[in-house]
Amino acid sequence: MGILANVKLSKKDMLEELQAKLRLLHKKLTQQELLDKCVEFTQQNFDRFVNEHFVDVALTEEKIATIKKNIYHGEINYPGKTHDELLYGG
């Protein structure tokens, strides 16, 4: 057995529902065993997992050109605020 860790789970209700569905199929797993199997499955299907759950925003040459064309090169004058405050808030 590996190292045990406490993990806060925001989708505990979904984990319990999944566990109940498996029990109906006569597959009795603890929540720890179920999470372990989920991690193993994700590891084995890593590329598919990333492609389905994380959007990779690719910039085309056309989008890059549009961004460069719209860059403002002038001075920003705003009394009482630094450039960082204007850009990042504050």
C-alpha atoms as a PDB file:
ATOM      1  CA  MET A   1       0.000   0.000   0.000  1.00  0.00           C
ATOM      2  CA  GLY A   2       1.204   3.500  -0.821  1.00  0.00           C
ATOM      3  CA  ILE A   3       1.281   6.600   1.302  1.00  0.00           C
ATOM      4  CA  LEU A   4      -2.117   7.630   2.628  1.00  0.00           C
ATOM      5  CA  ALA A   5      -3.201  11.246   2.319  1.00  0.00           C
ATOM      6  CA  ASN A   6      -6.258  13.169   3.411  1.00  0.00           C
ATOM      7  CA  VAL A   7      -7.896  14.886   0.458  1.00  0.00           C
ATOM      8  CA  LYS A   8     -10.754  17.383   0.590  1.00  0.00           C
ATOM      9  CA  LEU A   9     -13.290  16.348  -2.000  1.00  0.00           C
ATOM     10  CA  SER A  10     -15.768  18.824  -3.458  1.00  0.00           C
ATOM     11  CA  LYS A  11     -17.615  16.080  -5.363  1.00  0.00           C
ATOM     12  CA  LYS A  12     -18.165  13.676  -2.476  1.00  0.00           C
ATOM     13  CA  ASP A  13     -21.797  13.172  -3.481  1.00  0.00           C
ATOM     14  CA  MET A  14     -20.678  12.038  -6.933  1.00  0.00           C
ATOM     15  CA  LEU A  15     -18.178   9.631  -5.384  1.00  0.00           C
ATOM     16  CA  GLU A  16     -20.910   8.164  -3.200  1.00  0.00           C
ATOM     17  CA  GLU A  17     -23.252   7.833  -6.204  1.00  0.00           C
ATOM     18  CA  LEU A  18     -20.546   6.064  -8.204  1.00  0.00           C
ATOM     19  CA  GLN A  19     -19.861   3.752  -5.276  1.00  0.00           C
ATOM     20  CA  ALA A  20     -23.613   2.951  -5.035  1.00  0.00           C
ATOM     21  CA  LYS A  21     -23.836   2.187  -8.774  1.00  0.00           C
ATOM     22  CA  LEU A  22     -20.913  -0.214  -8.452  1.00  0.00           C
ATOM     23  CA  ARG A  23     -22.546  -1.907  -5.465  1.00  0.00           C
ATOM     24  CA  LEU A  24     -25.627  -2.542  -7.633  1.00  0.00           C
ATOM     25  CA  LEU A  25     -23.241  -4.391  -9.978  1.00  0.00           C
ATOM     26  CA  HIS A  26     -22.005  -6.433  -6.982  1.00  0.00           C
ATOM     27  CA  LYS A  27     -18.669  -4.575  -6.933  1.00  0.00           C
ATOM     28  CA  LYS A  28     -18.009  -3.614  -3.332  1.00  0.00           C
ATOM     29  CA  LEU A  29     -15.270  -1.015  -3.110  1.00  0.00           C
ATOM     30  CA  THR A  30     -14.399   1.393  -0.362  1.00  0.00           C
ATOM     31  CA  GLN A  31     -14.212   5.026  -1.377  1.00  0.00           C
ATOM     32  CA  GLN A  32     -10.420   4.799  -1.050  1.00  0.00           C
ATOM     33  CA  GLU A  33     -10.300   1.791  -3.409  1.00  0.00           C
ATOM     34  CA  LEU A  34     -12.589   3.580  -5.852  1.00  0.00           C
ATOM     35  CA  LEU A  35     -10.431   6.713  -5.829  1.00  0.00           C
ATOM     36  CA  ASP A  36      -7.301   4.583  -6.312  1.00  0.00           C
ATOM     37  CA  LYS A  37      -8.897   2.919  -9.345  1.00  0.00           C
ATOM     38  CA  CYS A  38      -9.926   6.318 -10.735  1.00  0.00           C
ATOM     39  CA  VAL A  39      -6.344   7.573 -10.416  1.00  0.00           C
ATOM     40  CA  GLU A  40      -4.980   4.404 -12.063  1.00  0.00           C
ATOM     41  CA  PHE A  41      -7.500   4.702 -14.907  1.00  0.00           C
ATOM     42  CA  THR A  42      -6.610   8.353 -15.450  1.00  0.00           C
ATOM     43  CA  GLN A  43      -2.898   7.522 -15.469  1.00  0.00           C
ATOM     44  CA  GLN A  44      -3.454   4.800 -18.089  1.00  0.00           C
ATOM     45  CA  ASN A  45      -5.629   7.141 -20.189  1.00  0.00           C
ATOM     46  CA  PHE A  46      -3.713  10.334 -19.535  1.00  0.00           C
ATOM     47  CA  ASP A  47      -3.707  11.738 -23.065  1.00  0.00           C
ATOM     48  CA  ARG A  48      -7.431  11.143 -23.457  1.00  0.00           C
ATOM     49  CA  PHE A  49      -8.070  12.728 -20.044  1.00  0.00           C
ATOM     50  CA  VAL A  50      -6.101  15.861 -20.923  1.00  0.00           C
ATOM     51  CA  ASN A  51      -7.711  16.185 -24.358  1.00  0.00           C
ATOM     52  CA  GLU A  52     -11.231  15.839 -22.950  1.00  0.00           C
ATOM     53  CA  HIS A  53     -10.895  17.976 -19.836  1.00  0.00           C
ATOM     54  CA  PHE A  54      -8.379  20.700 -20.584  1.00  0.00           C
ATOM     55  CA  VAL A  55      -8.832  23.059 -23.499  1.00  0.00           C
ATOM     56  CA  ASP A  56      -5.639  23.760 -25.380  1.00  0.00           C
ATOM     57  CA  VAL A  57      -5.975  27.177 -26.917  1.00  0.00           C
ATOM     58  CA  ALA A  58      -3.877  27.265 -30.038  1.00  0.00           C
ATOM     59  CA  LEU A  59      -3.144  30.636 -31.548  1.00  0.00           C
ATOM     60  CA  THR A  60      -3.180  30.773 -35.318  1.00  0.00           C
ATOM     61  CA  GLU A  61      -0.863  33.115 -37.183  1.00  0.00           C
ATOM     62  CA  GLU A  62      -3.932  35.214 -37.996  1.00  0.00           C
ATOM     63  CA  LYS A  63      -4.847  35.577 -34.305  1.00  0.00           C
ATOM     64  CA  ILE A  64      -1.252  36.457 -33.407  1.00  0.00           C
ATOM     65  CA  ALA A  65      -1.178  39.126 -36.120  1.00  0.00           C
ATOM     66  CA  THR A  66      -4.475  40.591 -34.869  1.00  0.00           C
ATOM     67  CA  ILE A  67      -3.176  40.740 -31.299  1.00  0.00           C
ATOM     68  CA  LYS A  68       0.047  42.432 -32.382  1.00  0.00           C
ATOM     69  CA  LYS A  69      -1.891  44.906 -34.524  1.00  0.00           C
ATOM     70  CA  ASN A  70      -4.067  45.940 -31.565  1.00  0.00           C
ATOM     71  CA  ILE A  71      -1.254  46.533 -29.062  1.00  0.00           C
ATOM     72  CA  TYR A  72      -1.431  50.025 -27.594  1.00  0.00           C
ATOM     73  CA  HIS A  73       1.966  51.714 -27.592  1.00  0.00           C
ATOM     74  CA  GLY A  74       0.965  55.079 -26.125  1.00  0.00           C
ATOM     75  CA  GLU A  75       1.415  56.527 -22.676  1.00  0.00           C
ATOM     76  CA  ILE A  76      -1.010  55.662 -19.904  1.00  0.00           C
ATOM     77  CA  ASN A  77      -1.680  58.691 -17.742  1.00  0.00           C
ATOM     78  CA  TYR A  78      -3.907  58.174 -14.754  1.00  0.00           C
ATOM     79  CA  PRO A  79      -3.162  60.494 -11.845  1.00  0.00           C
ATOM     80  CA  GLY A  80      -2.771  58.768  -8.515  1.00  0.00           C
ATOM     81  CA  LYS A  81      -2.360  55.224  -9.873  1.00  0.00           C
ATOM     82  CA  THR A  82       0.798  53.341 -10.770  1.00  0.00           C
ATOM     83  CA  HIS A  83       1.001  51.206 -13.913  1.00  0.00           C
ATOM     84  CA  ASP A  84       0.789  48.056 -11.760  1.00  0.00           C
ATOM     85  CA  GLU A  85      -2.358  49.328 -10.054  1.00  0.00           C
ATOM     86  CA  LEU A  86      -3.953  50.044 -13.419  1.00  0.00           C
ATOM     87  CA  LEU A  87      -3.004  46.658 -14.840  1.00  0.00           C
ATOM     88  CA  TYR A  88      -3.563  44.417 -11.840  1.00  0.00           C
ATOM     89  CA  GLY A  89      -5.942  46.437  -9.685  1.00  0.00           C
ATOM     90  CA  GLY A  90      -5.389  48.072  -6.382  1.00  0.00           C
END
